[in-house]
Amino acid sequence: MATITEGKPLTREDFATEAGRRRAVRELMFADHGLIRLFHRNVHEVAPGKLWRSHQPSPAEIARWAARGVRTIVNLRGDKPSGFLFLEEEACAKARVRHIPLRAFSREAPPKEFLKRLRALFGEIEYPALMHCKSGADRVGIAATLYLFFEEGVALDEAMRQQLSFRYGHVRQGKTGVIDYALERYLEHARTAGVSLADVDAFMAWAESPAYDPVALKREFMGSWWGNLLTERILRRE
């Protein structure tokens, strides 16, 4: 029987064993802070009866979401092999919920391809749906902001105010604030050009043009010392 080394990443082959499943549960509950999420739930409705945002859901939570009618779960942590990913995939398959991994970034300006993919995704998935990252603060915050903007006709500045908030644990003064910084560059552009802040096509045209440079924006952005301390050392955002 193959042994499972705790220091190495869990594989799908490992997960198929009893020892691997036990390790996956340990990773979810302890290394991934699942135990804390039993007592502190960062779950909120984005669009009534249609879309919710959340922290990493446990298999039991996925079953409950399915019982409430959720048909799609968008996993903004992506598909990097891990115990919590394997547990999520298994729980979604069991509950007959579509699982879509799409990697988002908490310390980078949203890549052009991510913006295009997210816009397309919102138009093709089956609702009701749930989106999640690890803590339910940053990556799901940008996705929820863009959902309101892309799909619900909410002006971008208002969508940001609603979804990129300290209420959910998003700290714009730390490195995670590069998300806000990038979107604020568009707000400045749109206001100068007299473009409606609810105009999605104008936003996408800007985002796909050379005017939007995610790498340069990340390089320019500087969080405050206390914000960086909070996100990197205390909250330890992924």
C-alpha atoms as a PDB file:
ATOM      1  CA  MET A   1       0.000   0.000   0.000  1.00  0.00           C
ATOM      2  CA  ALA A   2       1.330   3.433  -0.962  1.00  0.00           C
ATOM      3  CA  THR A   3       2.138   5.760   1.888  1.00  0.00           C
ATOM      4  CA  ILE A   4       1.003   9.390   1.996  1.00  0.00           C
ATOM      5  CA  THR A   5       3.639  11.925   2.982  1.00  0.00           C
ATOM      6  CA  GLU A   6       2.130  14.825   4.936  1.00  0.00           C
ATOM      7  CA  GLY A   7       4.596  17.370   3.602  1.00  0.00           C
ATOM      8  CA  LYS A   8       3.798  16.710  -0.054  1.00  0.00           C
ATOM      9  CA  PRO A   9       0.703  17.900  -1.967  1.00  0.00           C
ATOM     10  CA  LEU A  10      -2.215  15.509  -1.862  1.00  0.00           C
ATOM     11  CA  THR A  11      -2.948  13.815  -5.183  1.00  0.00           C
ATOM     12  CA  ARG A  12      -6.185  12.423  -6.576  1.00  0.00           C
ATOM     13  CA  GLU A  13      -4.703   8.965  -6.184  1.00  0.00           C
ATOM     14  CA  ASP A  14      -4.035   9.702  -2.500  1.00  0.00           C
ATOM     15  CA  PHE A  15      -7.582  11.010  -2.077  1.00  0.00           C
ATOM     16  CA  ALA A  16      -8.980   7.702  -3.313  1.00  0.00           C
ATOM     17  CA  THR A  17      -7.572   6.021  -0.189  1.00  0.00           C
ATOM     18  CA  GLU A  18      -8.968   6.198   3.329  1.00  0.00           C
ATOM     19  CA  ALA A  19      -5.748   7.780   4.582  1.00  0.00           C
ATOM     20  CA  GLY A  20      -5.955  10.356   1.816  1.00  0.00           C
ATOM     21  CA  ARG A  21      -9.531  11.254   2.632  1.00  0.00           C
ATOM     22  CA  ARG A  22      -8.661  11.706   6.295  1.00  0.00           C
ATOM     23  CA  ARG A  23      -5.789  13.968   5.323  1.00  0.00           C
ATOM     24  CA  ALA A  24      -8.081  15.992   3.021  1.00  0.00           C
ATOM     25  CA  VAL A  25     -10.493  16.569   5.902  1.00  0.00           C
ATOM     26  CA  ARG A  26      -7.623  17.618   8.168  1.00  0.00           C
ATOM     27  CA  GLU A  27      -6.407  20.062   5.523  1.00  0.00           C
ATOM     28  CA  LEU A  28      -9.880  21.542   5.142  1.00  0.00           C
ATOM     29  CA  MET A  29     -10.552  21.905   8.846  1.00  0.00           C
ATOM     30  CA  PHE A  30      -7.151  22.971  10.152  1.00  0.00           C
ATOM     31  CA  ALA A  31      -4.712  24.163   7.464  1.00  0.00           C
ATOM     32  CA  ASP A  32      -7.515  25.837   5.484  1.00  0.00           C
ATOM     33  CA  HIS A  33      -9.261  27.298   8.586  1.00  0.00           C
ATOM     34  CA  GLY A  34     -12.448  25.275   8.121  1.00  0.00           C
ATOM     35  CA  LEU A  35     -12.756  24.987  11.883  1.00  0.00           C
ATOM     36  CA  ILE A  36     -12.971  28.777  12.169  1.00  0.00           C
ATOM     37  CA  ARG A  37     -15.631  28.846   9.465  1.00  0.00           C
ATOM     38  CA  LEU A  38     -17.852  26.640  11.617  1.00  0.00           C
ATOM     39  CA  PHE A  39     -18.241  29.637  13.920  1.00  0.00           C
ATOM     40  CA  HIS A  40     -17.695  32.585  11.569  1.00  0.00           C
ATOM     41  CA  ARG A  41     -19.727  32.301   8.370  1.00  0.00           C
ATOM     42  CA  ASN A  42     -18.922  34.848   5.690  1.00  0.00           C
ATOM     43  CA  VAL A  43     -21.934  34.079   3.477  1.00  0.00           C
ATOM     44  CA  HIS A  44     -24.045  36.771   1.805  1.00  0.00           C
ATOM     45  CA  GLU A  45     -26.669  37.173  -0.895  1.00  0.00           C
ATOM     46  CA  VAL A  46     -25.519  39.103  -3.974  1.00  0.00           C
ATOM     47  CA  ALA A  47     -28.684  38.931  -6.103  1.00  0.00           C
ATOM     48  CA  PRO A  48     -31.915  37.868  -4.340  1.00  0.00           C
ATOM     49  CA  GLY A  49     -32.695  34.233  -4.957  1.00  0.00           C
ATOM     50  CA  LYS A  50     -30.072  34.006  -7.711  1.00  0.00           C
ATOM     51  CA  LEU A  51     -26.504  34.391  -6.489  1.00  0.00           C
ATOM     52  CA  TRP A  52     -24.611  34.115  -3.198  1.00  0.00           C
ATOM     53  CA  ARG A  53     -21.000  34.707  -2.163  1.00  0.00           C
ATOM     54  CA  SER A  54     -19.217  32.588   0.410  1.00  0.00           C
ATOM     55  CA  HIS A  55     -16.050  31.331   2.030  1.00  0.00           C
ATOM     56  CA  GLN A  56     -14.797  27.834   1.116  1.00  0.00           C
ATOM     57  CA  PRO A  57     -17.811  25.572   1.651  1.00  0.00           C
ATOM     58  CA  SER A  58     -17.489  22.228   3.386  1.00  0.00           C
ATOM     59  CA  PRO A  59     -19.077  19.103   1.885  1.00  0.00           C
ATOM     60  CA  ALA A  60     -21.961  19.470   4.354  1.00  0.00           C
ATOM     61  CA  GLU A  61     -22.487  23.081   3.292  1.00  0.00           C
ATOM     62  CA  ILE A  62     -22.495  22.080  -0.373  1.00  0.00           C
ATOM     63  CA  ALA A  63     -25.221  19.540   0.359  1.00  0.00           C
ATOM     64  CA  ARG A  64     -27.255  22.243   2.093  1.00  0.00           C
ATOM     65  CA  TRP A  65     -26.786  24.647  -0.828  1.00  0.00           C
ATOM     66  CA  ALA A  66     -27.965  21.942  -3.205  1.00  0.00           C
ATOM     67  CA  ALA A  67     -31.022  21.347  -1.028  1.00  0.00           C
ATOM     68  CA  ARG A  68     -31.788  25.076  -1.364  1.00  0.00           C
ATOM     69  CA  GLY A  69     -31.744  24.737  -5.138  1.00  0.00           C
ATOM     70  CA  VAL A  70     -28.240  25.927  -6.033  1.00  0.00           C
ATOM     71  CA  ARG A  71     -27.261  24.457  -9.421  1.00  0.00           C
ATOM     72  CA  THR A  72     -23.751  25.881  -9.926  1.00  0.00           C
ATOM     73  CA  ILE A  73     -20.750  26.517  -7.693  1.00  0.00           C
ATOM     74  CA  VAL A  74     -17.987  28.752  -9.056  1.00  0.00           C
ATOM     75  CA  ASN A  75     -14.739  28.020  -7.252  1.00  0.00           C
ATOM     76  CA  LEU A  76     -12.517  31.101  -7.506  1.00  0.00           C
ATOM     77  CA  ARG A  77      -9.596  29.248  -5.952  1.00  0.00           C
ATOM     78  CA  GLY A  78      -9.095  27.401  -9.231  1.00  0.00           C
ATOM     79  CA  ASP A  79      -8.241  23.753  -9.767  1.00  0.00           C
ATOM     80  CA  LYS A  80      -4.867  23.403  -8.054  1.00  0.00           C
ATOM     81  CA  PRO A  81      -4.837  19.909  -6.497  1.00  0.00           C
ATOM     82  CA  SER A  82      -5.626  20.019  -2.783  1.00  0.00           C
ATOM     83  CA  GLY A  83      -7.660  18.185  -0.202  1.00  0.00           C
ATOM     84  CA  PHE A  84     -10.350  20.858  -0.082  1.00  0.00           C
ATOM     85  CA  LEU A  85     -10.662  20.851  -3.878  1.00  0.00           C
ATOM     86  CA  PHE A  86     -11.120  17.080  -4.007  1.00  0.00           C
ATOM     87  CA  LEU A  87     -13.719  17.213  -1.234  1.00  0.00           C
ATOM     88  CA  GLU A  88     -15.567  19.993  -3.046  1.00  0.00           C
ATOM     89  CA  GLU A  89     -15.550  18.162  -6.379  1.00  0.00           C
ATOM     90  CA  GLU A  90     -16.836  15.009  -4.730  1.00  0.00           C
ATOM     91  CA  ALA A  91     -19.572  16.839  -2.814  1.00  0.00           C
ATOM     92  CA  CYS A  92     -20.725  18.679  -5.955  1.00  0.00           C
ATOM     93  CA  ALA A  93     -20.859  15.447  -7.961  1.00  0.00           C
ATOM     94  CA  LYS A  94     -22.860  13.764  -5.206  1.00  0.00           C
ATOM     95  CA  ALA A  95     -25.291  16.702  -5.001  1.00  0.00           C
ATOM     96  CA  ARG A  96     -25.496  17.024  -8.824  1.00  0.00           C
ATOM     97  CA  VAL A  97     -24.241  20.600  -8.688  1.00  0.00           C
ATOM     98  CA  ARG A  98     -22.027  21.860 -11.496  1.00  0.00           C
ATOM     99  CA  HIS A  99     -18.572  22.741 -10.212  1.00  0.00           C
ATOM    100  CA  ILE A 100     -16.616  25.379 -12.158  1.00  0.00           C
ATOM    101  CA  PRO A 101     -13.041  26.203 -11.090  1.00  0.00           C
ATOM    102  CA  LEU A 102     -11.902  29.659 -12.179  1.00  0.00           C
ATOM    103  CA  ARG A 103      -8.786  31.060 -10.588  1.00  0.00           C
ATOM    104  CA  ALA A 104      -9.006  34.620  -9.335  1.00  0.00           C
ATOM    105  CA  PHE A 105      -6.277  36.661  -7.649  1.00  0.00           C
ATOM    106  CA  SER A 106      -6.412  38.647  -4.423  1.00  0.00           C
ATOM    107  CA  ARG A 107      -3.146  40.572  -4.836  1.00  0.00           C
ATOM    108  CA  GLU A 108      -3.227  41.346  -8.542  1.00  0.00           C
ATOM    109  CA  ALA A 109      -5.181  43.654 -10.806  1.00  0.00           C
ATOM    110  CA  PRO A 110      -7.743  41.388 -12.521  1.00  0.00           C
ATOM    111  CA  PRO A 111      -6.122  39.897 -15.651  1.00  0.00           C
ATOM    112  CA  LYS A 112      -7.758  40.708 -18.976  1.00  0.00           C
ATOM    113  CA  GLU A 113      -8.590  37.048 -19.637  1.00  0.00           C
ATOM    114  CA  PHE A 114     -10.202  36.703 -16.222  1.00  0.00           C
ATOM    115  CA  LEU A 115     -12.499  39.644 -16.936  1.00  0.00           C
ATOM    116  CA  LYS A 116     -13.515  38.198 -20.307  1.00  0.00           C
ATOM    117  CA  ARG A 117     -14.038  34.707 -18.913  1.00  0.00           C
ATOM    118  CA  LEU A 118     -16.075  35.932 -15.958  1.00  0.00           C
ATOM    119  CA  ARG A 119     -18.366  37.987 -18.171  1.00  0.00           C
ATOM    120  CA  ALA A 120     -18.983  34.984 -20.416  1.00  0.00           C
ATOM    121  CA  LEU A 121     -19.436  32.682 -17.439  1.00  0.00           C
ATOM    122  CA  PHE A 122     -22.185  34.794 -15.898  1.00  0.00           C
ATOM    123  CA  GLY A 123     -24.110  34.517 -19.144  1.00  0.00           C
ATOM    124  CA  GLU A 124     -23.855  30.746 -19.434  1.00  0.00           C
ATOM    125  CA  ILE A 125     -24.129  29.197 -15.975  1.00  0.00           C
ATOM    126  CA  GLU A 126     -27.305  27.823 -14.484  1.00  0.00           C
ATOM    127  CA  TYR A 127     -28.718  29.758 -11.547  1.00  0.00           C
ATOM    128  CA  PRO A 128     -29.172  29.835  -8.601  1.00  0.00           C
ATOM    129  CA  ALA A 129     -25.422  29.845  -8.094  1.00  0.00           C
ATOM    130  CA  LEU A 130     -22.813  30.218  -5.385  1.00  0.00           C
ATOM    131  CA  MET A 131     -19.365  31.783  -5.793  1.00  0.00           C
ATOM    132  CA  HIS A 132     -16.607  31.298  -3.266  1.00  0.00           C
ATOM    133  CA  CYS A 133     -12.915  31.797  -2.554  1.00  0.00           C
ATOM    134  CA  LYS A 134     -11.146  30.861   0.686  1.00  0.00           C
ATOM    135  CA  SER A 135     -12.347  33.498   3.133  1.00  0.00           C
ATOM    136  CA  GLY A 136     -15.162  35.117   1.149  1.00  0.00           C
ATOM    137  CA  ALA A 137     -13.475  38.516   1.166  1.00  0.00           C
ATOM    138  CA  ASP A 138     -11.333  39.496  -1.819  1.00  0.00           C
ATOM    139  CA  ARG A 139     -11.576  37.217  -4.855  1.00  0.00           C
ATOM    140  CA  VAL A 140     -15.273  36.609  -4.424  1.00  0.00           C
ATOM    141  CA  GLY A 141     -15.583  40.347  -3.751  1.00  0.00           C
ATOM    142  CA  ILE A 142     -14.302  41.270  -7.218  1.00  0.00           C
ATOM    143  CA  ALA A 143     -16.451  38.555  -8.801  1.00  0.00           C
ATOM    144  CA  ALA A 144     -19.573  39.744  -6.975  1.00  0.00           C
ATOM    145  CA  THR A 145     -18.803  43.345  -7.943  1.00  0.00           C
ATOM    146  CA  LEU A 146     -18.508  42.388 -11.584  1.00  0.00           C
ATOM    147  CA  TYR A 147     -21.647  40.258 -11.464  1.00  0.00           C
ATOM    148  CA  LEU A 148     -23.713  43.253 -10.339  1.00  0.00           C
ATOM    149  CA  PHE A 149     -22.033  45.401 -12.979  1.00  0.00           C
ATOM    150  CA  PHE A 150     -22.171  42.896 -15.854  1.00  0.00           C
ATOM    151  CA  GLU A 151     -25.556  41.299 -15.180  1.00  0.00           C
ATOM    152  CA  GLU A 152     -27.666  43.527 -12.946  1.00  0.00           C
ATOM    153  CA  GLY A 153     -27.022  46.969 -14.432  1.00  0.00           C
ATOM    154  CA  VAL A 154     -25.460  48.349 -11.242  1.00  0.00           C
ATOM    155  CA  ALA A 155     -22.959  51.169 -11.831  1.00  0.00           C
ATOM    156  CA  LEU A 156     -19.405  50.013 -11.208  1.00  0.00           C
ATOM    157  CA  ASP A 157     -18.711  52.424  -8.367  1.00  0.00           C
ATOM    158  CA  GLU A 158     -21.897  51.345  -6.577  1.00  0.00           C
ATOM    159  CA  ALA A 159     -21.149  47.661  -7.157  1.00  0.00           C
ATOM    160  CA  MET A 160     -17.702  48.203  -5.633  1.00  0.00           C
ATOM    161  CA  ARG A 161     -19.217  49.971  -2.648  1.00  0.00           C
ATOM    162  CA  GLN A 162     -21.583  47.071  -2.063  1.00  0.00           C
ATOM    163  CA  GLN A 163     -19.225  44.126  -2.571  1.00  0.00           C
ATOM    164  CA  LEU A 164     -15.617  45.245  -1.958  1.00  0.00           C
ATOM    165  CA  SER A 165     -16.178  46.129   1.650  1.00  0.00           C
ATOM    166  CA  PHE A 166     -14.555  45.608   5.043  1.00  0.00           C
ATOM    167  CA  ARG A 167     -17.943  44.164   5.999  1.00  0.00           C
ATOM    168  CA  TYR A 168     -16.815  40.978   4.229  1.00  0.00           C
ATOM    169  CA  GLY A 169     -13.210  41.198   5.427  1.00  0.00           C
ATOM    170  CA  HIS A 170     -11.862  42.968   2.328  1.00  0.00           C
ATOM    171  CA  VAL A 171      -9.007  45.297   3.297  1.00  0.00           C
ATOM    172  CA  ARG A 172      -8.345  47.837   0.578  1.00  0.00           C
ATOM    173  CA  GLN A 173      -5.458  49.325   2.574  1.00  0.00           C
ATOM    174  CA  GLY A 174      -3.459  46.074   2.252  1.00  0.00           C
ATOM    175  CA  LYS A 175      -2.053  44.296  -0.782  1.00  0.00           C
ATOM    176  CA  THR A 176      -5.563  43.110  -1.587  1.00  0.00           C
ATOM    177  CA  GLY A 177      -6.438  46.746  -2.303  1.00  0.00           C
ATOM    178  CA  VAL A 178      -4.849  46.418  -5.752  1.00  0.00           C
ATOM    179  CA  ILE A 179      -8.262  45.120  -6.860  1.00  0.00           C
ATOM    180  CA  ASP A 180      -9.878  48.440  -5.928  1.00  0.00           C
ATOM    181  CA  TYR A 181      -6.937  50.371  -7.354  1.00  0.00           C
ATOM    182  CA  ALA A 182      -7.378  48.776 -10.770  1.00  0.00           C
ATOM    183  CA  LEU A 183     -11.107  49.422 -10.951  1.00  0.00           C
ATOM    184  CA  GLU A 184     -10.654  52.989  -9.733  1.00  0.00           C
ATOM    185  CA  ARG A 185      -8.375  53.641 -12.723  1.00  0.00           C
ATOM    186  CA  TYR A 186     -11.336  52.853 -14.949  1.00  0.00           C
ATOM    187  CA  LEU A 187     -13.664  55.044 -12.892  1.00  0.00           C
ATOM    188  CA  GLU A 188     -11.275  57.959 -13.415  1.00  0.00           C
ATOM    189  CA  HIS A 189     -11.115  57.239 -17.136  1.00  0.00           C
ATOM    190  CA  ALA A 190     -14.898  56.945 -17.512  1.00  0.00           C
ATOM    191  CA  ARG A 191     -15.612  60.122 -15.576  1.00  0.00           C
ATOM    192  CA  THR A 192     -13.068  62.080 -17.617  1.00  0.00           C
ATOM    193  CA  ALA A 193     -14.522  60.701 -20.852  1.00  0.00           C
ATOM    194  CA  GLY A 194     -18.110  61.265 -19.760  1.00  0.00           C
ATOM    195  CA  VAL A 195     -18.922  57.549 -20.013  1.00  0.00           C
ATOM    196  CA  SER A 196     -21.705  56.032 -17.936  1.00  0.00           C
ATOM    197  CA  LEU A 197     -20.361  53.968 -15.041  1.00  0.00           C
ATOM    198  CA  ALA A 198     -22.983  51.347 -15.908  1.00  0.00           C
ATOM    199  CA  ASP A 199     -21.685  50.891 -19.481  1.00  0.00           C
ATOM    200  CA  VAL A 200     -20.257  47.363 -19.549  1.00  0.00           C
ATOM    201  CA  ASP A 201     -19.136  47.478 -23.172  1.00  0.00           C
ATOM    202  CA  ALA A 202     -17.146  50.652 -22.531  1.00  0.00           C
ATOM    203  CA  PHE A 203     -15.466  49.011 -19.541  1.00  0.00           C
ATOM    204  CA  MET A 204     -14.554  45.887 -21.510  1.00  0.00           C
ATOM    205  CA  ALA A 205     -13.203  47.963 -24.403  1.00  0.00           C
ATOM    206  CA  TRP A 206     -10.951  49.795 -21.936  1.00  0.00           C
ATOM    207  CA  ALA A 207      -9.927  46.581 -20.165  1.00  0.00           C
ATOM    208  CA  GLU A 208      -8.941  44.917 -23.450  1.00  0.00           C
ATOM    209  CA  SER A 209      -6.979  47.963 -24.642  1.00  0.00           C
ATOM    210  CA  PRO A 210      -3.334  48.871 -23.895  1.00  0.00           C
ATOM    211  CA  ALA A 211      -4.673  51.491 -21.458  1.00  0.00           C
ATOM    212  CA  TYR A 212      -5.280  48.709 -18.959  1.00  0.00           C
ATOM    213  CA  ASP A 213      -2.005  47.159 -17.809  1.00  0.00           C
ATOM    214  CA  PRO A 214      -2.568  44.816 -14.837  1.00  0.00           C
ATOM    215  CA  VAL A 215       1.155  44.197 -14.332  1.00  0.00           C
ATOM    216  CA  ALA A 216       1.968  47.918 -14.176  1.00  0.00           C
ATOM    217  CA  LEU A 217      -0.942  48.563 -11.810  1.00  0.00           C
ATOM    218  CA  LYS A 218       0.263  45.890  -9.422  1.00  0.00           C
ATOM    219  CA  ARG A 219       3.736  47.411  -9.511  1.00  0.00           C
ATOM    220  CA  GLU A 220       2.369  50.892  -8.798  1.00  0.00           C
ATOM    221  CA  PHE A 221       0.076  49.962  -5.943  1.00  0.00           C
ATOM    222  CA  MET A 222       1.361  50.334  -2.411  1.00  0.00           C
ATOM    223  CA  GLY A 223      -0.761  49.297   0.531  1.00  0.00           C
ATOM    224  CA  SER A 224      -0.322  50.906   3.927  1.00  0.00           C
ATOM    225  CA  TRP A 225       1.975  49.262   6.446  1.00  0.00           C
ATOM    226  CA  TRP A 226      -0.897  48.373   8.760  1.00  0.00           C
ATOM    227  CA  GLY A 227      -3.066  47.130   5.901  1.00  0.00           C
ATOM    228  CA  ASN A 228      -0.299  44.865   4.679  1.00  0.00           C
ATOM    229  CA  LEU A 229       0.299  43.640   8.225  1.00  0.00           C
ATOM    230  CA  LEU A 230      -3.391  42.798   8.534  1.00  0.00           C
ATOM    231  CA  THR A 231      -3.754  40.938   5.226  1.00  0.00           C
ATOM    232  CA  GLU A 232      -0.356  39.229   5.141  1.00  0.00           C
ATOM    233  CA  ARG A 233       0.456  38.437   8.755  1.00  0.00           C
ATOM    234  CA  ILE A 234      -2.779  38.400  10.715  1.00  0.00           C
ATOM    235  CA  LEU A 235      -5.494  37.329   8.251  1.00  0.00           C
ATOM    236  CA  ARG A 236      -2.929  35.548   6.032  1.00  0.00           C
ATOM    237  CA  ARG A 237      -4.984  35.946   2.895  1.00  0.00           C
ATOM    238  CA  GLU A 238      -4.447  33.395   0.135  1.00  0.00           C
END
